Amino acid sequence: MNIQADESILDENGKYSLEKLNPIIYDEEHRRYLSVGVKAADAFKAGLVYKRS
Protein backbone atom coordinates (compact mmCIF):
# COMPACT_ATOMS: atom_id res chain seq x y z
CA MET A 1 0.00 0.00 0.00
CA ASN A 2 1.32 3.42 -0.92
CA ILE A 3 -0.58 6.34 0.55
CA GLN A 4 0.50 9.87 -0.27
CA ALA A 5 -0.77 13.16 1.14
CA ASP A 6 0.22 16.77 0.78
CA GLU A 7 2.01 17.86 3.96
CA SER A 8 -0.39 20.78 4.37
CA ILE A 9 -3.16 18.39 5.51
CA LEU A 10 -1.04 16.57 8.10
CA ASP A 11 -1.31 17.26 11.82
CA GLU A 12 1.56 17.65 14.28
CA ASN A 13 1.85 13.83 14.50
CA GLY A 14 2.13 13.36 10.73
CA LYS A 15 -1.39 11.95 10.39
CA TYR A 16 -3.96 13.31 7.97
CA SER A 17 -6.47 15.81 9.32
CA LEU A 18 -9.96 15.85 7.83
CA GLU A 19 -10.40 19.34 9.24
CA LYS A 20 -7.41 20.55 7.22
CA LEU A 21 -8.39 18.55 4.14
CA ASN A 22 -12.00 19.78 4.27
CA PRO A 23 -13.25 17.11 1.81
CA ILE A 24 -16.46 17.42 -0.19
CA ILE A 25 -18.70 14.76 -1.71
CA TYR A 26 -21.03 14.98 -4.68
CA ASP A 27 -24.65 13.95 -4.10
CA GLU A 28 -25.70 12.82 -7.57
CA GLU A 29 -29.33 12.25 -6.58
CA HIS A 30 -29.84 15.88 -5.53
CA ARG A 31 -27.07 17.35 -7.70
CA ARG A 32 -25.24 19.12 -4.89
CA TYR A 33 -21.91 19.12 -3.08
CA LEU A 34 -21.70 18.50 0.66
CA SER A 35 -18.83 19.12 3.04
CA VAL A 36 -17.46 16.36 5.24
CA GLY A 37 -15.42 16.51 8.41
CA VAL A 38 -17.57 17.88 11.23
CA LYS A 39 -17.04 15.81 14.37
CA ALA A 40 -20.25 14.11 15.52
CA ALA A 41 -18.90 12.13 18.50
CA ASP A 42 -15.88 10.28 19.83
CA ALA A 43 -15.60 6.68 18.64
CA PHE A 44 -16.76 4.04 21.12
CA LYS A 45 -18.03 6.70 23.56
CA ALA A 46 -21.29 7.87 21.97
CA GLY A 47 -23.07 4.60 22.76
CA LEU A 48 -22.01 4.46 26.41
CA VAL A 49 -25.13 6.35 27.46
CA TYR A 50 -27.16 3.37 26.22
CA LYS A 51 -25.02 0.70 27.93
CA ARG A 52 -26.81 -1.10 30.72
CA SER A 53 -24.97 -1.44 34.00
PDB file of N, CA and C in Angstrom:
ATOM      1  N   MET A   1       0.845  -1.160   0.000  1.00  0.00           N
ATOM      2  CA  MET A   1       0.000   0.000   0.000  1.00  0.00           C
ATOM      3  C   MET A   1       0.900   1.235   0.000  1.00  0.00           C
ATOM      4  N   ASN A   2       0.556   2.182  -0.822  1.00  0.00           N
ATOM      5  CA  ASN A   2       1.320   3.421  -0.915  1.00  0.00           C
ATOM      6  C   ASN A   2       0.352   4.590  -0.814  1.00  0.00           C
ATOM      7  N   ILE A   3       0.315   5.212   0.335  1.00  0.00           N
ATOM      8  CA  ILE A   3      -0.579   6.340   0.553  1.00  0.00           C
ATOM      9  C   ILE A   3       0.244   7.615   0.565  1.00  0.00           C
ATOM     10  N   GLN A   4      -0.198   8.598  -0.211  1.00  0.00           N
ATOM     11  CA  GLN A   4       0.503   9.869  -0.268  1.00  0.00           C
ATOM     12  C   GLN A   4      -0.456  10.992   0.080  1.00  0.00           C
ATOM     13  N   ALA A   5       0.061  12.003   0.777  1.00  0.00           N
ATOM     14  CA  ALA A   5      -0.767  13.156   1.138  1.00  0.00           C
ATOM     15  C   ALA A   5       0.099  14.399   1.125  1.00  0.00           C
ATOM     16  N   ASP A   6      -0.476  15.498   0.728  1.00  0.00           N
ATOM     17  CA  ASP A   6       0.217  16.771   0.782  1.00  0.00           C
ATOM     18  C   ASP A   6       0.467  17.110   2.252  1.00  0.00           C
ATOM     19  N   GLU A   7       1.644  17.571   2.573  1.00  0.00           N
ATOM     20  CA  GLU A   7       2.005  17.858   3.963  1.00  0.00           C
ATOM     21  C   GLU A   7       1.118  18.921   4.606  1.00  0.00           C
ATOM     22  N   SER A   8       0.457  19.719   3.807  1.00  0.00           N
ATOM     23  CA  SER A   8      -0.388  20.779   4.365  1.00  0.00           C
ATOM     24  C   SER A   8      -1.636  20.240   5.071  1.00  0.00           C
ATOM     25  N   ILE A   9      -1.989  18.964   4.829  1.00  0.00           N
ATOM     26  CA  ILE A   9      -3.156  18.390   5.512  1.00  0.00           C
ATOM     27  C   ILE A   9      -2.767  17.471   6.660  1.00  0.00           C
ATOM     28  N   LEU A  10      -1.485  17.421   6.997  1.00  0.00           N
ATOM     29  CA  LEU A  10      -1.035  16.574   8.100  1.00  0.00           C
ATOM     30  C   LEU A  10      -1.045  17.351   9.410  1.00  0.00           C
ATOM     31  N   ASP A  11      -1.337  16.622  10.504  1.00  0.00           N
ATOM     32  CA  ASP A  11      -1.310  17.264  11.817  1.00  0.00           C
ATOM     33  C   ASP A  11       0.097  17.208  12.397  1.00  0.00           C
ATOM     34  N   GLU A  12       0.244  17.612  13.642  1.00  0.00           N
ATOM     35  CA  GLU A  12       1.559  17.653  14.281  1.00  0.00           C
ATOM     36  C   GLU A  12       2.170  16.268  14.486  1.00  0.00           C
ATOM     37  N   ASN A  13       1.352  15.204  14.364  1.00  0.00           N
ATOM     38  CA  ASN A  13       1.850  13.831  14.500  1.00  0.00           C
ATOM     39  C   ASN A  13       2.083  13.162  13.151  1.00  0.00           C
ATOM     40  N   GLY A  14       1.912  13.917  12.055  1.00  0.00           N
ATOM     41  CA  GLY A  14       2.130  13.364  10.729  1.00  0.00           C
ATOM     42  C   GLY A  14       0.959  12.571  10.190  1.00  0.00           C
ATOM     43  N   LYS A  15      -0.188  12.653  10.851  1.00  0.00           N
ATOM     44  CA  LYS A  15      -1.385  11.946  10.391  1.00  0.00           C
ATOM     45  C   LYS A  15      -2.295  12.934   9.670  1.00  0.00           C
ATOM     46  N   TYR A  16      -3.095  12.411   8.730  1.00  0.00           N
ATOM     47  CA  TYR A  16      -3.964  13.310   7.972  1.00  0.00           C
ATOM     48  C   TYR A  16      -5.030  13.908   8.885  1.00  0.00           C
ATOM     49  N   SER A  17      -5.448  15.098   8.567  1.00  0.00           N
ATOM     50  CA  SER A  17      -6.467  15.810   9.320  1.00  0.00           C
ATOM     51  C   SER A  17      -7.627  16.126   8.393  1.00  0.00           C
ATOM     52  N   LEU A  18      -8.802  15.549   8.668  1.00  0.00           N
ATOM     53  CA  LEU A  18      -9.963  15.851   7.834  1.00  0.00           C
ATOM     54  C   LEU A  18     -10.346  17.312   7.939  1.00  0.00           C
ATOM     55  N   GLU A  19     -10.096  17.922   9.094  1.00  0.00           N
ATOM     56  CA  GLU A  19     -10.397  19.344   9.243  1.00  0.00           C
ATOM     57  C   GLU A  19      -9.550  20.186   8.304  1.00  0.00           C
ATOM     58  N   LYS A  20      -8.285  19.811   8.142  1.00  0.00           N
ATOM     59  CA  LYS A  20      -7.409  20.549   7.223  1.00  0.00           C
ATOM     60  C   LYS A  20      -7.716  20.217   5.770  1.00  0.00           C
ATOM     61  N   LEU A  21      -8.070  18.975   5.503  1.00  0.00           N
ATOM     62  CA  LEU A  21      -8.391  18.553   4.139  1.00  0.00           C
ATOM     63  C   LEU A  21      -9.700  19.173   3.676  1.00  0.00           C
ATOM     64  N   ASN A  22     -10.681  19.231   4.578  1.00  0.00           N
ATOM     65  CA  ASN A  22     -12.002  19.780   4.272  1.00  0.00           C
ATOM     66  C   ASN A  22     -12.590  19.152   3.008  1.00  0.00           C
ATOM     67  N   PRO A  23     -12.775  17.800   3.015  1.00  0.00           N
ATOM     68  CA  PRO A  23     -13.253  17.111   1.815  1.00  0.00           C
ATOM     69  C   PRO A  23     -14.710  17.437   1.502  1.00  0.00           C
ATOM     70  N   ILE A  24     -15.073  17.256   0.236  1.00  0.00           N
ATOM     71  CA  ILE A  24     -16.464  17.415  -0.187  1.00  0.00           C
ATOM     72  C   ILE A  24     -16.876  16.149  -0.937  1.00  0.00           C
ATOM     73  N   ILE A  25     -18.172  15.876  -0.943  1.00  0.00           N
ATOM     74  CA  ILE A  25     -18.704  14.757  -1.710  1.00  0.00           C
ATOM     75  C   ILE A  25     -19.789  15.297  -2.638  1.00  0.00           C
ATOM     76  N   TYR A  26     -19.997  14.588  -3.729  1.00  0.00           N
ATOM     77  CA  TYR A  26     -21.030  14.979  -4.676  1.00  0.00           C
ATOM     78  C   TYR A  26     -22.237  14.077  -4.478  1.00  0.00           C
ATOM     79  N   ASP A  27     -23.392  14.655  -4.247  1.00  0.00           N
ATOM     80  CA  ASP A  27     -24.654  13.948  -4.100  1.00  0.00           C
ATOM     81  C   ASP A  27     -25.342  13.968  -5.459  1.00  0.00           C
ATOM     82  N   GLU A  28     -25.180  12.881  -6.198  1.00  0.00           N
ATOM     83  CA  GLU A  28     -25.700  12.824  -7.569  1.00  0.00           C
ATOM     84  C   GLU A  28     -27.224  12.871  -7.601  1.00  0.00           C
ATOM     85  N   GLU A  29     -27.870  12.270  -6.618  1.00  0.00           N
ATOM     86  CA  GLU A  29     -29.330  12.247  -6.580  1.00  0.00           C
ATOM     87  C   GLU A  29     -29.925  13.647  -6.516  1.00  0.00           C
ATOM     88  N   HIS A  30     -29.325  14.522  -5.700  1.00  0.00           N
ATOM     89  CA  HIS A  30     -29.843  15.876  -5.528  1.00  0.00           C
ATOM     90  C   HIS A  30     -28.998  16.938  -6.223  1.00  0.00           C
ATOM     91  N   ARG A  31     -27.954  16.483  -6.921  1.00  0.00           N
ATOM     92  CA  ARG A  31     -27.075  17.355  -7.695  1.00  0.00           C
ATOM     93  C   ARG A  31     -26.534  18.504  -6.848  1.00  0.00           C
ATOM     94  N   ARG A  32     -25.820  18.123  -5.789  1.00  0.00           N
ATOM     95  CA  ARG A  32     -25.238  19.121  -4.886  1.00  0.00           C
ATOM     96  C   ARG A  32     -23.941  18.581  -4.288  1.00  0.00           C
ATOM     97  N   TYR A  33     -23.140  19.471  -3.776  1.00  0.00           N
ATOM     98  CA  TYR A  33     -21.912  19.120  -3.085  1.00  0.00           C
ATOM     99  C   TYR A  33     -22.124  19.331  -1.590  1.00  0.00           C
ATOM    100  N   LEU A  34     -21.579  18.411  -0.791  1.00  0.00           N
ATOM    101  CA  LEU A  34     -21.697  18.500   0.656  1.00  0.00           C
ATOM    102  C   LEU A  34     -20.313  18.443   1.280  1.00  0.00           C
ATOM    103  N   SER A  35     -20.118  19.173   2.351  1.00  0.00           N
ATOM    104  CA  SER A  35     -18.835  19.116   3.036  1.00  0.00           C
ATOM    105  C   SER A  35     -18.841  17.982   4.050  1.00  0.00           C
ATOM    106  N   VAL A  36     -17.655  17.471   4.322  1.00  0.00           N
ATOM    107  CA  VAL A  36     -17.464  16.357   5.239  1.00  0.00           C
ATOM    108  C   VAL A  36     -16.407  16.771   6.258  1.00  0.00           C
ATOM    109  N   GLY A  37     -16.501  16.267   7.456  1.00  0.00           N
ATOM    110  CA  GLY A  37     -15.423  16.510   8.406  1.00  0.00           C
ATOM    111  C   GLY A  37     -15.844  17.100   9.727  1.00  0.00           C
ATOM    112  N   VAL A  38     -17.127  17.355   9.940  1.00  0.00           N
ATOM    113  CA  VAL A  38     -17.566  17.881  11.228  1.00  0.00           C
ATOM    114  C   VAL A  38     -17.666  16.725  12.208  1.00  0.00           C
ATOM    115  N   LYS A  39     -17.041  16.870  13.359  1.00  0.00           N
ATOM    116  CA  LYS A  39     -17.040  15.813  14.370  1.00  0.00           C
ATOM    117  C   LYS A  39     -18.438  15.650  14.951  1.00  0.00           C
ATOM    118  N   ALA A  40     -18.939  14.407  14.956  1.00  0.00           N
ATOM    119  CA  ALA A  40     -20.253  14.111  15.517  1.00  0.00           C
ATOM    120  C   ALA A  40     -20.130  13.556  16.934  1.00  0.00           C
ATOM    121  N   ALA A  41     -19.101  12.727  17.179  1.00  0.00           N
ATOM    122  CA  ALA A  41     -18.897  12.128  18.500  1.00  0.00           C
ATOM    123  C   ALA A  41     -17.555  11.416  18.509  1.00  0.00           C
ATOM    124  N   ASP A  42     -17.093  11.076  19.697  1.00  0.00           N
ATOM    125  CA  ASP A  42     -15.881  10.280  19.832  1.00  0.00           C
ATOM    126  C   ASP A  42     -16.223   8.810  19.624  1.00  0.00           C
ATOM    127  N   ALA A  43     -15.375   8.094  18.901  1.00  0.00           N
ATOM    128  CA  ALA A  43     -15.605   6.679  18.635  1.00  0.00           C
ATOM    129  C   ALA A  43     -15.660   5.895  19.939  1.00  0.00           C
ATOM    130  N   PHE A  44     -16.577   4.962  20.003  1.00  0.00           N
ATOM    131  CA  PHE A  44     -16.757   4.042  21.117  1.00  0.00           C
ATOM    132  C   PHE A  44     -17.236   4.716  22.396  1.00  0.00           C
ATOM    133  N   LYS A  45     -17.542   6.012  22.363  1.00  0.00           N
ATOM    134  CA  LYS A  45     -18.033   6.702  23.555  1.00  0.00           C
ATOM    135  C   LYS A  45     -19.479   7.132  23.400  1.00  0.00           C
ATOM    136  N   ALA A  46     -19.932   7.357  22.193  1.00  0.00           N
ATOM    137  CA  ALA A  46     -21.286   7.866  21.969  1.00  0.00           C
ATOM    138  C   ALA A  46     -22.336   6.885  22.464  1.00  0.00           C
ATOM    139  N   GLY A  47     -22.092   5.598  22.346  1.00  0.00           N
ATOM    140  CA  GLY A  47     -23.072   4.597  22.761  1.00  0.00           C
ATOM    141  C   GLY A  47     -23.059   4.269  24.239  1.00  0.00           C
ATOM    142  N   LEU A  48     -22.092   4.783  24.987  1.00  0.00           N
ATOM    143  CA  LEU A  48     -22.007   4.455  26.409  1.00  0.00           C
ATOM    144  C   LEU A  48     -23.248   4.877  27.188  1.00  0.00           C
ATOM    145  N   VAL A  49     -23.922   5.910  26.754  1.00  0.00           N
ATOM    146  CA  VAL A  49     -25.132   6.352  27.465  1.00  0.00           C
ATOM    147  C   VAL A  49     -26.236   5.302  27.363  1.00  0.00           C
ATOM    148  N   TYR A  50     -26.142   4.392  26.397  1.00  0.00           N
ATOM    149  CA  TYR A  50     -27.156   3.368  26.217  1.00  0.00           C
ATOM    150  C   TYR A  50     -26.762   2.038  26.869  1.00  0.00           C
ATOM    151  N   LYS A  51     -25.514   1.936  27.327  1.00  0.00           N
ATOM    152  CA  LYS A  51     -25.020   0.702  27.926  1.00  0.00           C
ATOM    153  C   LYS A  51     -25.683   0.471  29.272  1.00  0.00           C
ATOM    154  N   ARG A  52     -26.169  -0.759  29.445  1.00  0.00           N
ATOM    155  CA  ARG A  52     -26.814  -1.098  30.725  1.00  0.00           C
ATOM    156  C   ARG A  52     -25.750  -1.497  31.741  1.00  0.00           C
ATOM    157  N   SER A  53     -25.955  -1.083  32.970  1.00  0.00           N
ATOM    158  CA  SER A  53     -24.972  -1.440  34.004  1.00  0.00           C
ATOM    159  C   SER A  53     -25.319  -2.724  34.692  1.00  0.00           C
TER     160      SER A  53
END
